[in-house]
Amino acid sequence: MGKLDGKVAIVTGAGAGISKATSIYLARQGAKVLAWDLGVDVEGRPLERNPVDDTVRQIREEGNTAVAFHGDVSSMADAERAVGTAIDTW
């Protein structure tokens, strides 16, 4: 039983760095994680593959629950879609 069983977390920037680590940690503690990343490099150019998919794969391989969300945190429409996705999924 994890500290976050029954909780849902939305983590932005979850494709790499501290946000990826945070997503994995929250999932290990029992949270269902919506891992969100735009999938661009530091110059803003789209990547061939969104790294958030690897974050979600790792979480699922450990037996935890996550979905990937590809979107822009500066977009209100994307933010509404992300929250809606989390609500609809869980």
Protein backbone atom coordinates (compact mmCIF):
# COMPACT_ATOMS: atom_id res chain seq x y z
CA MET A 1 0.00 0.00 0.00
CA GLY A 2 1.48 3.31 -1.12
CA LYS A 3 1.20 6.72 0.46
CA LEU A 4 -0.64 7.99 -2.64
CA ASP A 5 -3.03 5.13 -3.37
CA GLY A 6 -6.24 6.51 -4.87
CA LYS A 7 -4.62 9.81 -5.89
CA VAL A 8 -4.03 11.19 -9.37
CA ALA A 9 -1.03 13.33 -10.27
CA ILE A 10 -0.46 15.47 -13.36
CA VAL A 11 3.25 16.09 -13.89
CA THR A 12 4.42 18.55 -16.53
CA GLY A 13 7.81 18.22 -18.20
CA ALA A 14 7.71 14.51 -17.42
CA GLY A 15 9.83 13.49 -20.39
CA ALA A 16 13.13 14.15 -18.65
CA GLY A 17 14.95 15.39 -15.58
CA ILE A 18 13.37 16.02 -12.21
CA SER A 19 9.84 15.82 -13.61
CA LYS A 20 10.50 12.35 -15.01
CA ALA A 21 11.92 11.28 -11.64
CA THR A 22 8.94 12.84 -9.87
CA SER A 23 6.49 10.97 -12.11
CA ILE A 24 8.20 7.66 -11.39
CA TYR A 25 8.34 8.36 -7.65
CA LEU A 26 4.67 9.34 -7.45
CA ALA A 27 3.68 6.19 -9.36
CA ARG A 28 5.79 4.05 -7.01
CA GLN A 29 3.88 5.60 -4.13
CA GLY A 30 0.59 4.49 -5.70
CA ALA A 31 -0.55 7.58 -7.62
CA LYS A 32 -1.99 7.27 -11.09
CA VAL A 33 0.17 9.59 -13.19
CA LEU A 34 -0.66 11.68 -16.22
CA ALA A 35 2.85 12.38 -17.53
CA TRP A 36 2.80 15.52 -19.70
CA ASP A 37 5.45 16.77 -22.09
CA LEU A 38 5.47 18.80 -25.28
CA GLY A 39 8.25 16.73 -26.83
CA VAL A 40 10.61 19.44 -28.02
CA ASP A 41 14.34 20.05 -27.60
CA VAL A 42 15.81 23.02 -25.70
CA GLU A 43 15.54 25.11 -28.88
CA GLY A 44 11.83 24.33 -29.19
CA ARG A 45 12.18 22.00 -32.16
CA PRO A 46 9.92 18.93 -32.16
CA LEU A 47 11.66 15.69 -31.27
CA GLU A 48 11.23 12.59 -33.43
CA ARG A 49 9.70 10.78 -30.42
CA ASN A 50 8.21 12.38 -27.34
CA PRO A 51 10.33 11.22 -24.37
CA VAL A 52 7.28 11.19 -22.09
CA ASP A 53 6.32 7.90 -23.76
CA ASP A 54 9.48 6.35 -22.27
CA THR A 55 8.55 7.70 -18.84
CA VAL A 56 5.13 6.07 -19.06
CA ARG A 57 6.64 2.82 -20.35
CA GLN A 58 9.01 2.70 -17.38
CA ILE A 59 6.19 3.35 -14.91
CA ARG A 60 4.05 0.63 -16.46
CA GLU A 61 6.93 -1.87 -16.58
CA GLU A 62 7.20 -1.46 -12.80
CA GLY A 63 3.51 -2.40 -12.52
CA ASN A 64 2.24 1.11 -11.86
CA THR A 65 -0.31 3.25 -13.68
CA ALA A 66 0.36 6.12 -16.06
CA VAL A 67 -0.76 7.71 -19.32
CA ALA A 68 1.17 10.03 -21.58
CA PHE A 69 -0.12 13.43 -22.57
CA HIS A 70 1.50 15.37 -25.41
CA GLY A 71 0.73 19.05 -25.07
CA ASP A 72 1.82 22.60 -24.34
CA VAL A 73 1.56 23.82 -20.74
CA SER A 74 1.17 27.39 -21.98
CA SER A 75 -2.06 26.47 -23.79
CA MET A 76 -5.30 26.70 -21.80
CA ALA A 77 -6.92 24.30 -24.26
CA ASP A 78 -4.17 21.72 -23.68
CA ALA A 79 -4.42 22.20 -19.91
CA GLU A 80 -8.17 21.59 -20.06
CA ARG A 81 -7.60 18.50 -22.23
CA ALA A 82 -4.97 17.17 -19.79
CA VAL A 83 -7.25 17.52 -16.79
CA GLY A 84 -10.14 16.07 -18.79
CA THR A 85 -7.98 13.12 -19.82
CA ALA A 86 -7.08 12.42 -16.18
CA ILE A 87 -10.73 12.64 -15.11
CA ASP A 88 -11.97 10.47 -17.96
CA THR A 89 -9.21 7.89 -17.49
CA TRP A 90 -9.52 7.55 -13.72
